[in-house]
Amino acid sequence: MEPFEVEQKNEKPGKRPKTREKVDQKMLDLKARGLTYEEIGNLCGGLSRQAVHRRIGGHLTDEEKLLHYKNNRADLLAMTQERILASIDDETISKANLQTKAMAYGVLFDKERLERNLSTSNLSEHIRVKTMNAEEKATLDMALEVIYGNKANPPRLPLNQTATTNDDEEKDE
């Protein structure tokens, strides 16, 4: 696609030039054809994608805005995170109340663990069982029946104890 020419006309001072309106309309047309803000900016004389977004972002439909957000969510969130972190200094931290500091600590702790590929929560084993496939469940059922004799209601034991079965008693004799 070739860059388009913009007609230059002398307009009255204080009025928005019609050429800008034409450029904005052309940008909207290009966006409707599926071009990215960066591609539109390149075709409009090297404008940045941010400049294009500022000029036509308010003219987008809700669906187009949602699509833009979904396609750029990670970058938009990262930029917002950076702005928030840049605004936090020692004075801001010292002014925060205890509850806010404790909550921020917890969130930052979780995010650090997430970034390091460590667990951020501990789930009980029943969730693991619920996600098992049929073959794994059948194997578990057989094991529970062998161990406890009643797969539906195995006895609850403290973690440091093991169950003995009649088979174990017979082996001891």
N, C-alpha and C. Protein backbone atom coordinates (compact mmCIF):
# COMPACT_ATOMS: atom_id res chain seq x y z
N MET A 1 0.84 -1.16 0.00
CA MET A 1 0.00 0.00 0.00
C MET A 1 0.90 1.23 0.00
N GLU A 2 0.59 2.19 -0.82
CA GLU A 2 1.40 3.40 -0.95
C GLU A 2 0.91 4.48 0.01
N PRO A 3 1.84 5.32 0.52
CA PRO A 3 1.40 6.45 1.36
C PRO A 3 0.47 7.34 0.55
N PHE A 4 -0.50 7.94 1.22
CA PHE A 4 -1.44 8.78 0.50
C PHE A 4 -1.02 10.24 0.61
N GLU A 5 -1.45 11.01 -0.33
CA GLU A 5 -1.12 12.44 -0.37
C GLU A 5 -2.17 13.21 0.41
N VAL A 6 -1.73 14.24 1.11
CA VAL A 6 -2.62 15.08 1.88
C VAL A 6 -2.69 16.43 1.19
N GLU A 7 -3.92 16.88 0.89
CA GLU A 7 -4.08 18.18 0.26
C GLU A 7 -3.84 19.26 1.30
N GLN A 8 -3.10 20.27 0.95
CA GLN A 8 -2.85 21.39 1.85
C GLN A 8 -3.75 22.55 1.45
N LYS A 9 -4.57 23.05 2.38
CA LYS A 9 -5.43 24.19 2.14
C LYS A 9 -5.21 25.19 3.26
N ASN A 10 -5.35 26.46 2.95
CA ASN A 10 -5.25 27.48 3.97
C ASN A 10 -6.58 27.57 4.70
N GLU A 11 -6.56 27.40 5.98
CA GLU A 11 -7.76 27.45 6.79
C GLU A 11 -7.71 28.67 7.69
N LYS A 12 -8.84 29.04 8.23
CA LYS A 12 -8.91 30.16 9.15
C LYS A 12 -8.18 29.79 10.43
N PRO A 13 -7.47 30.77 11.04
CA PRO A 13 -6.77 30.48 12.30
C PRO A 13 -7.78 30.02 13.36
N GLY A 14 -7.34 29.08 14.17
CA GLY A 14 -8.18 28.59 15.26
C GLY A 14 -9.10 27.45 14.85
N LYS A 15 -9.24 27.19 13.57
CA LYS A 15 -10.07 26.08 13.11
C LYS A 15 -9.20 24.89 12.81
N ARG A 16 -9.73 23.76 13.07
CA ARG A 16 -9.00 22.54 12.75
C ARG A 16 -8.94 22.40 11.23
N PRO A 17 -7.75 22.22 10.70
CA PRO A 17 -7.66 22.12 9.24
C PRO A 17 -8.40 20.90 8.71
N LYS A 18 -9.02 21.06 7.55
CA LYS A 18 -9.76 19.96 6.94
C LYS A 18 -8.81 18.84 6.55
N THR A 19 -7.56 19.17 6.29
CA THR A 19 -6.62 18.11 5.92
C THR A 19 -6.45 17.13 7.07
N ARG A 20 -6.46 17.62 8.30
CA ARG A 20 -6.34 16.73 9.46
C ARG A 20 -7.55 15.80 9.51
N GLU A 21 -8.73 16.34 9.26
CA GLU A 21 -9.93 15.52 9.25
C GLU A 21 -9.85 14.45 8.17
N LYS A 22 -9.31 14.83 7.01
CA LYS A 22 -9.17 13.86 5.93
C LYS A 22 -8.16 12.77 6.29
N VAL A 23 -7.07 13.19 6.93
CA VAL A 23 -6.06 12.21 7.36
C VAL A 23 -6.66 11.28 8.39
N ASP A 24 -7.41 11.84 9.35
CA ASP A 24 -8.04 10.99 10.37
C ASP A 24 -9.02 10.02 9.73
N GLN A 25 -9.79 10.48 8.76
CA GLN A 25 -10.74 9.60 8.09
C GLN A 25 -10.00 8.49 7.34
N LYS A 26 -8.90 8.87 6.69
CA LYS A 26 -8.11 7.86 5.97
C LYS A 26 -7.55 6.83 6.97
N MET A 27 -7.11 7.32 8.13
CA MET A 27 -6.60 6.40 9.17
C MET A 27 -7.70 5.44 9.61
N LEU A 28 -8.91 5.97 9.80
CA LEU A 28 -10.03 5.13 10.20
C LEU A 28 -10.34 4.09 9.12
N ASP A 29 -10.27 4.52 7.87
CA ASP A 29 -10.51 3.59 6.76
C ASP A 29 -9.47 2.47 6.77
N LEU A 30 -8.21 2.85 6.99
CA LEU A 30 -7.13 1.85 7.02
C LEU A 30 -7.31 0.89 8.20
N LYS A 31 -7.74 1.45 9.34
CA LYS A 31 -7.96 0.61 10.53
C LYS A 31 -9.10 -0.37 10.26
N ALA A 32 -10.16 0.10 9.59
CA ALA A 32 -11.28 -0.76 9.27
C ALA A 32 -10.87 -1.88 8.32
N ARG A 33 -9.83 -1.66 7.55
CA ARG A 33 -9.32 -2.69 6.63
C ARG A 33 -8.39 -3.66 7.33
N GLY A 34 -8.15 -3.44 8.63
CA GLY A 34 -7.38 -4.41 9.41
C GLY A 34 -5.93 -4.05 9.63
N LEU A 35 -5.49 -2.86 9.22
CA LEU A 35 -4.10 -2.49 9.43
C LEU A 35 -3.85 -2.15 10.90
N THR A 36 -2.63 -2.35 11.35
CA THR A 36 -2.27 -2.03 12.72
C THR A 36 -1.99 -0.53 12.82
N TYR A 37 -1.95 -0.02 14.04
CA TYR A 37 -1.63 1.40 14.24
C TYR A 37 -0.24 1.71 13.68
N GLU A 38 0.68 0.78 13.86
CA GLU A 38 2.04 0.99 13.36
C GLU A 38 2.04 1.08 11.83
N GLU A 39 1.33 0.18 11.18
CA GLU A 39 1.26 0.21 9.72
C GLU A 39 0.60 1.49 9.23
N ILE A 40 -0.46 1.91 9.91
CA ILE A 40 -1.14 3.16 9.54
C ILE A 40 -0.19 4.34 9.72
N GLY A 41 0.55 4.36 10.82
CA GLY A 41 1.50 5.45 11.07
C GLY A 41 2.57 5.52 9.99
N ASN A 42 3.06 4.37 9.55
CA ASN A 42 4.07 4.35 8.49
C ASN A 42 3.51 4.91 7.18
N LEU A 43 2.25 4.59 6.90
CA LEU A 43 1.62 5.08 5.67
C LEU A 43 1.27 6.56 5.75
N CYS A 44 1.17 7.08 6.95
CA CYS A 44 0.79 8.49 7.14
C CYS A 44 1.99 9.36 7.47
N GLY A 45 3.11 9.03 6.94
CA GLY A 45 4.28 9.90 7.10
C GLY A 45 5.13 9.62 8.32
N GLY A 46 5.10 8.38 8.79
CA GLY A 46 5.99 8.01 9.89
C GLY A 46 5.49 8.37 11.27
N LEU A 47 4.18 8.44 11.46
CA LEU A 47 3.64 8.69 12.79
C LEU A 47 3.85 7.45 13.66
N SER A 48 4.02 7.65 14.95
CA SER A 48 4.14 6.52 15.85
C SER A 48 2.78 5.86 16.01
N ARG A 49 2.79 4.60 16.46
CA ARG A 49 1.52 3.91 16.66
C ARG A 49 0.71 4.59 17.77
N GLN A 50 1.41 5.18 18.76
CA GLN A 50 0.72 5.89 19.84
C GLN A 50 0.02 7.14 19.30
N ALA A 51 0.69 7.85 18.38
CA ALA A 51 0.10 9.05 17.80
C ALA A 51 -1.14 8.71 16.99
N VAL A 52 -1.07 7.63 16.24
CA VAL A 52 -2.24 7.19 15.46
C VAL A 52 -3.37 6.82 16.40
N HIS A 53 -3.07 6.10 17.46
CA HIS A 53 -4.10 5.71 18.42
C HIS A 53 -4.74 6.93 19.06
N ARG A 54 -3.94 7.93 19.43
CA ARG A 54 -4.49 9.14 20.02
C ARG A 54 -5.45 9.83 19.07
N ARG A 55 -5.12 9.83 17.80
CA ARG A 55 -5.94 10.55 16.81
C ARG A 55 -7.22 9.82 16.46
N ILE A 56 -7.19 8.51 16.38
CA ILE A 56 -8.39 7.81 15.93
C ILE A 56 -8.98 6.88 16.98
N GLY A 57 -8.31 6.73 18.12
CA GLY A 57 -8.79 5.81 19.15
C GLY A 57 -10.20 6.12 19.62
N GLY A 58 -10.55 7.40 19.70
CA GLY A 58 -11.88 7.79 20.14
C GLY A 58 -12.96 7.51 19.11
N HIS A 59 -12.57 7.21 17.89
CA HIS A 59 -13.53 6.96 16.81
C HIS A 59 -13.79 5.48 16.60
N LEU A 60 -13.14 4.64 17.38
CA LEU A 60 -13.29 3.21 17.19
C LEU A 60 -14.57 2.72 17.85
N THR A 61 -15.14 1.67 17.30
CA THR A 61 -16.31 1.05 17.92
C THR A 61 -15.86 0.31 19.18
N ASP A 62 -16.83 -0.04 19.99
CA ASP A 62 -16.51 -0.79 21.21
C ASP A 62 -15.83 -2.11 20.88
N GLU A 63 -16.28 -2.76 19.81
CA GLU A 63 -15.68 -4.03 19.41
C GLU A 63 -14.22 -3.84 18.99
N GLU A 64 -13.95 -2.75 18.26
CA GLU A 64 -12.57 -2.47 17.84
C GLU A 64 -11.69 -2.14 19.03
N LYS A 65 -12.24 -1.38 19.99
CA LYS A 65 -11.48 -1.06 21.21
C LYS A 65 -11.17 -2.32 21.99
N LEU A 66 -12.17 -3.21 22.11
CA LEU A 66 -11.97 -4.46 22.83
C LEU A 66 -10.91 -5.32 22.15
N LEU A 67 -10.99 -5.41 20.83
CA LEU A 67 -10.01 -6.19 20.08
C LEU A 67 -8.60 -5.61 20.27
N HIS A 68 -8.49 -4.27 20.21
CA HIS A 68 -7.20 -3.62 20.43
C HIS A 68 -6.67 -3.95 21.83
N TYR A 69 -7.54 -3.88 22.83
CA TYR A 69 -7.12 -4.18 24.20
C TYR A 69 -6.67 -5.64 24.31
N LYS A 70 -7.46 -6.56 23.76
CA LYS A 70 -7.10 -7.97 23.84
C LYS A 70 -5.78 -8.26 23.15
N ASN A 71 -5.57 -7.65 21.99
CA ASN A 71 -4.34 -7.89 21.23
C ASN A 71 -3.12 -7.26 21.87
N ASN A 72 -3.32 -6.24 22.73
CA ASN A 72 -2.20 -5.51 23.32
C ASN A 72 -2.24 -5.52 24.84
N ARG A 73 -3.05 -6.39 25.43
CA ARG A 73 -3.25 -6.39 26.87
C ARG A 73 -1.94 -6.49 27.66
N ALA A 74 -1.08 -7.39 27.30
CA ALA A 74 0.16 -7.57 28.06
C ALA A 74 1.00 -6.30 28.05
N ASP A 75 1.12 -5.67 26.89
CA ASP A 75 1.90 -4.43 26.81
C ASP A 75 1.23 -3.29 27.56
N LEU A 76 -0.10 -3.18 27.45
CA LEU A 76 -0.81 -2.12 28.16
C LEU A 76 -0.68 -2.30 29.66
N LEU A 77 -0.81 -3.53 30.14
CA LEU A 77 -0.67 -3.79 31.57
C LEU A 77 0.76 -3.54 32.04
N ALA A 78 1.73 -3.93 31.23
CA ALA A 78 3.14 -3.72 31.60
C ALA A 78 3.44 -2.22 31.71
N MET A 79 2.91 -1.44 30.77
CA MET A 79 3.13 0.01 30.83
C MET A 79 2.50 0.61 32.08
N THR A 80 1.31 0.15 32.43
CA THR A 80 0.63 0.64 33.63
C THR A 80 1.39 0.22 34.88
N GLN A 81 1.87 -1.02 34.91
CA GLN A 81 2.67 -1.48 36.05
C GLN A 81 3.91 -0.61 36.23
N GLU A 82 4.57 -0.30 35.13
CA GLU A 82 5.78 0.51 35.21
C GLU A 82 5.46 1.89 35.77
N ARG A 83 4.35 2.48 35.32
CA ARG A 83 3.96 3.81 35.82
C ARG A 83 3.67 3.76 37.31
N ILE A 84 2.97 2.71 37.74
CA ILE A 84 2.64 2.58 39.16
C ILE A 84 3.91 2.40 39.98
N LEU A 85 4.79 1.50 39.54
CA LEU A 85 6.04 1.28 40.29
C LEU A 85 6.90 2.53 40.33
N ALA A 86 6.94 3.27 39.23
CA ALA A 86 7.74 4.50 39.19
C ALA A 86 7.19 5.55 40.15
N SER A 87 5.90 5.48 40.45
CA SER A 87 5.31 6.47 41.35
C SER A 87 5.51 6.13 42.83
N ILE A 88 6.00 4.93 43.10
CA ILE A 88 6.20 4.51 44.49
C ILE A 88 7.64 4.81 44.90
N ASP A 89 7.78 5.64 45.90
CA ASP A 89 9.10 5.95 46.44
C ASP A 89 9.06 5.74 47.95
N ASP A 90 10.18 6.01 48.62
CA ASP A 90 10.24 5.79 50.07
C ASP A 90 9.19 6.60 50.81
N GLU A 91 8.95 7.82 50.37
CA GLU A 91 7.96 8.67 51.04
C GLU A 91 6.55 8.08 50.91
N THR A 92 6.23 7.58 49.72
CA THR A 92 4.92 6.97 49.49
C THR A 92 4.75 5.74 50.37
N ILE A 93 5.78 4.94 50.46
CA ILE A 93 5.72 3.73 51.29
C ILE A 93 5.56 4.09 52.76
N SER A 94 6.30 5.08 53.23
CA SER A 94 6.21 5.44 54.64
C SER A 94 4.85 6.04 54.99
N LYS A 95 4.16 6.65 54.03
CA LYS A 95 2.84 7.22 54.29
C LYS A 95 1.73 6.17 54.27
N ALA A 96 1.98 5.01 53.69
CA ALA A 96 0.94 3.98 53.57
C ALA A 96 0.63 3.38 54.93
N ASN A 97 -0.64 3.02 55.14
CA ASN A 97 -1.01 2.40 56.42
C ASN A 97 -0.59 0.94 56.43
N LEU A 98 -0.66 0.32 57.59
CA LEU A 98 -0.19 -1.05 57.78
C LEU A 98 -0.93 -2.03 56.88
N GLN A 99 -2.25 -1.88 56.77
CA GLN A 99 -3.04 -2.80 55.96
C GLN A 99 -2.60 -2.73 54.49
N THR A 100 -2.38 -1.54 53.97
CA THR A 100 -1.95 -1.37 52.58
C THR A 100 -0.57 -1.97 52.37
N LYS A 101 0.33 -1.76 53.32
CA LYS A 101 1.68 -2.32 53.20
C LYS A 101 1.64 -3.84 53.22
N ALA A 102 0.82 -4.41 54.13
CA ALA A 102 0.72 -5.87 54.23
C ALA A 102 0.13 -6.45 52.94
N MET A 103 -0.89 -5.80 52.40
CA MET A 103 -1.51 -6.28 51.17
C MET A 103 -0.51 -6.18 50.00
N ALA A 104 0.21 -5.07 49.92
CA ALA A 104 1.20 -4.91 48.86
C ALA A 104 2.30 -5.96 48.98
N TYR A 105 2.72 -6.24 50.21
CA TYR A 105 3.73 -7.26 50.42
C TYR A 105 3.25 -8.61 49.89
N GLY A 106 2.01 -8.98 50.23
CA GLY A 106 1.47 -10.26 49.80
C GLY A 106 1.38 -10.38 48.28
N VAL A 107 0.92 -9.33 47.65
CA VAL A 107 0.80 -9.34 46.19
C VAL A 107 2.18 -9.44 45.56
N LEU A 108 3.12 -8.63 46.05
CA LEU A 108 4.47 -8.67 45.48
C LEU A 108 5.15 -10.01 45.72
N PHE A 109 4.91 -10.61 46.88
CA PHE A 109 5.46 -11.93 47.18
C PHE A 109 4.95 -12.95 46.17
N ASP A 110 3.62 -12.95 45.95
CA ASP A 110 3.03 -13.88 44.98
C ASP A 110 3.58 -13.66 43.58
N LYS A 111 3.70 -12.39 43.17
CA LYS A 111 4.17 -12.10 41.82
C LYS A 111 5.64 -12.48 41.65
N GLU A 112 6.43 -12.30 42.69
CA GLU A 112 7.83 -12.72 42.62
C GLU A 112 7.91 -14.23 42.42
N ARG A 113 7.12 -14.99 43.19
CA ARG A 113 7.12 -16.45 43.06
C ARG A 113 6.65 -16.87 41.67
N LEU A 114 5.66 -16.18 41.16
CA LEU A 114 5.17 -16.47 39.82
C LEU A 114 6.25 -16.23 38.77
N GLU A 115 6.97 -15.13 38.89
CA GLU A 115 8.06 -14.81 37.95
C GLU A 115 9.19 -15.83 38.03
N ARG A 116 9.38 -16.43 39.21
CA ARG A 116 10.44 -17.42 39.39
C ARG A 116 9.96 -18.85 39.12
N ASN A 117 8.75 -18.99 38.61
CA ASN A 117 8.14 -20.29 38.32
C ASN A 117 8.01 -21.17 39.57
N LEU A 118 7.71 -20.53 40.70
CA LEU A 118 7.46 -21.25 41.95
C LEU A 118 5.96 -21.25 42.20
N SER A 119 5.50 -22.13 43.09
CA SER A 119 4.06 -22.20 43.35
C SER A 119 3.59 -20.91 44.00
N THR A 120 2.37 -20.52 43.67
CA THR A 120 1.77 -19.33 44.28
C THR A 120 0.61 -19.71 45.19
N SER A 121 0.26 -21.00 45.20
CA SER A 121 -0.77 -21.48 46.11
C SER A 121 -0.55 -22.98 46.29
N ASN A 122 -1.07 -23.49 47.34
CA ASN A 122 -0.98 -24.92 47.61
C ASN A 122 -2.39 -25.50 47.55
N LEU A 123 -2.59 -26.42 46.64
CA LEU A 123 -3.89 -27.04 46.45
C LEU A 123 -3.91 -28.41 47.09
N SER A 124 -5.04 -28.79 47.62
CA SER A 124 -5.12 -30.12 48.21
C SER A 124 -5.19 -31.17 47.12
N GLU A 125 -4.93 -32.39 47.49
CA GLU A 125 -4.85 -33.49 46.52
C GLU A 125 -6.16 -33.79 45.83
N HIS A 126 -7.30 -33.43 46.44
CA HIS A 126 -8.58 -33.76 45.79
C HIS A 126 -8.72 -33.04 44.46
N ILE A 127 -8.11 -31.88 44.30
CA ILE A 127 -8.15 -31.18 43.00
C ILE A 127 -7.37 -31.99 41.97
N ARG A 128 -6.24 -32.54 42.39
CA ARG A 128 -5.45 -33.36 41.48
C ARG A 128 -6.25 -34.58 41.03
N VAL A 129 -6.97 -35.18 41.94
CA VAL A 129 -7.78 -36.35 41.61
C VAL A 129 -8.88 -35.98 40.63
N LYS A 130 -9.49 -34.81 40.81
CA LYS A 130 -10.57 -34.39 39.91
C LYS A 130 -10.08 -34.19 38.49
N THR A 131 -8.80 -33.90 38.31
CA THR A 131 -8.28 -33.66 36.97
C THR A 131 -7.68 -34.91 36.33
N MET A 132 -7.76 -36.03 37.03
CA MET A 132 -7.20 -37.27 36.49
C MET A 132 -8.06 -37.77 35.32
N ASN A 133 -7.40 -38.46 34.40
CA ASN A 133 -8.16 -39.09 33.33
C ASN A 133 -8.72 -40.42 33.85
N ALA A 134 -9.55 -41.07 33.05
CA ALA A 134 -10.25 -42.28 33.48
C ALA A 134 -9.27 -43.39 33.87
N GLU A 135 -8.19 -43.55 33.11
CA GLU A 135 -7.22 -44.61 33.41
C GLU A 135 -6.54 -44.35 34.75
N GLU A 136 -6.17 -43.10 35.01
CA GLU A 136 -5.53 -42.77 36.28
C GLU A 136 -6.49 -42.98 37.46
N LYS A 137 -7.77 -42.62 37.26
CA LYS A 137 -8.76 -42.82 38.32
C LYS A 137 -8.96 -44.30 38.60
N ALA A 138 -9.00 -45.11 37.56
CA ALA A 138 -9.18 -46.55 37.73
C ALA A 138 -8.00 -47.13 38.52
N THR A 139 -6.79 -46.70 38.20
CA THR A 139 -5.59 -47.17 38.92
C THR A 139 -5.66 -46.76 40.38
N LEU A 140 -6.08 -45.53 40.65
CA LEU A 140 -6.20 -45.05 42.02
C LEU A 140 -7.27 -45.84 42.77
N ASP A 141 -8.41 -46.09 42.14
CA ASP A 141 -9.48 -46.86 42.77
C ASP A 141 -9.00 -48.26 43.14
N MET A 142 -8.26 -48.90 42.24
CA MET A 142 -7.74 -50.25 42.52
C MET A 142 -6.77 -50.20 43.70
N ALA A 143 -5.92 -49.20 43.72
CA ALA A 143 -4.96 -49.08 44.81
C ALA A 143 -5.66 -48.85 46.14
N LEU A 144 -6.67 -48.00 46.15
CA LEU A 144 -7.42 -47.74 47.38
C LEU A 144 -8.14 -49.00 47.86
N GLU A 145 -8.69 -49.77 46.93
CA GLU A 145 -9.39 -51.00 47.30
C GLU A 145 -8.42 -52.02 47.87
N VAL A 146 -7.23 -52.13 47.28
CA VAL A 146 -6.22 -53.06 47.79
C VAL A 146 -5.76 -52.62 49.17
N ILE A 147 -5.53 -51.34 49.34
CA ILE A 147 -5.00 -50.84 50.61
C ILE A 147 -6.06 -50.87 51.70
N TYR A 148 -7.25 -50.34 51.40
CA TYR A 148 -8.25 -50.14 52.44
C TYR A 148 -9.43 -51.11 52.37
N GLY A 149 -9.61 -51.78 51.26
CA GLY A 149 -10.74 -52.66 51.12
C GLY A 149 -12.04 -51.93 50.82
N ASN A 150 -12.07 -50.64 50.97
CA ASN A 150 -13.28 -49.86 50.70
C ASN A 150 -12.84 -48.57 50.01
N LYS A 151 -12.91 -48.59 48.70
CA LYS A 151 -12.39 -47.43 47.96
C LYS A 151 -13.23 -46.18 48.16
N ALA A 152 -14.52 -46.32 48.52
CA ALA A 152 -15.39 -45.15 48.64
C ALA A 152 -15.06 -44.33 49.89
N ASN A 153 -14.70 -45.00 50.99
CA ASN A 153 -14.46 -44.28 52.25
C ASN A 153 -13.17 -44.75 52.90
N PRO A 154 -12.01 -44.39 52.33
CA PRO A 154 -10.77 -44.80 52.98
C PRO A 154 -10.63 -44.09 54.32
N PRO A 155 -10.04 -44.76 55.31
CA PRO A 155 -9.88 -44.12 56.61
C PRO A 155 -8.92 -42.94 56.52
N ARG A 156 -9.15 -41.96 57.34
CA ARG A 156 -8.26 -40.80 57.41
C ARG A 156 -7.17 -41.09 58.44
N LEU A 157 -5.93 -40.93 58.04
CA LEU A 157 -4.80 -41.19 58.93
C LEU A 157 -3.94 -39.94 59.02
N PRO A 158 -3.32 -39.71 60.18
CA PRO A 158 -2.33 -38.63 60.25
C PRO A 158 -1.21 -38.91 59.25
N LEU A 159 -0.57 -37.88 58.77
CA LEU A 159 0.44 -38.02 57.73
C LEU A 159 1.62 -38.89 58.15
N ASN A 160 1.91 -38.96 59.45
CA ASN A 160 3.08 -39.72 59.89
C ASN A 160 2.76 -41.18 60.21
N GLN A 161 1.53 -41.64 59.93
CA GLN A 161 1.17 -43.02 60.20
C GLN A 161 0.77 -43.71 58.90
N THR A 162 0.88 -45.02 58.90
CA THR A 162 0.42 -45.79 57.75
C THR A 162 -0.59 -46.81 58.22
N ALA A 163 -1.47 -47.21 57.34
CA ALA A 163 -2.50 -48.19 57.70
C ALA A 163 -1.94 -49.59 57.57
N THR A 164 -2.40 -50.48 58.45
CA THR A 164 -2.06 -51.90 58.30
C THR A 164 -3.31 -52.62 57.85
N THR A 165 -3.12 -53.57 57.02
CA THR A 165 -4.26 -54.35 56.52
C THR A 165 -4.17 -55.76 57.05
N ASN A 166 -5.18 -56.54 56.83
CA ASN A 166 -5.17 -57.94 57.25
C ASN A 166 -4.03 -58.69 56.58
N ASP A 167 -3.70 -58.31 55.34
CA ASP A 167 -2.59 -58.96 54.63
C ASP A 167 -1.29 -58.78 55.39
N ASP A 168 -1.09 -57.57 55.96
CA ASP A 168 0.14 -57.30 56.70
C ASP A 168 0.21 -58.17 57.95
N GLU A 169 -0.94 -58.36 58.63
CA GLU A 169 -0.97 -59.16 59.84
C GLU A 169 -0.68 -60.62 59.52
N GLU A 170 -1.22 -61.09 58.38
CA GLU A 170 -0.99 -62.49 57.99
C GLU A 170 0.47 -62.72 57.67
N LYS A 171 1.16 -61.73 57.08
CA LYS A 171 2.57 -61.90 56.73
C LYS A 171 3.42 -61.99 57.99
N ASP A 172 3.00 -61.29 59.06
CA ASP A 172 3.78 -61.29 60.30
C ASP A 172 3.71 -62.64 60.98
N GLU A 173 2.64 -63.43 60.78
CA GLU A 173 2.46 -64.72 61.46
C GLU A 173 3.29 -65.79 60.90
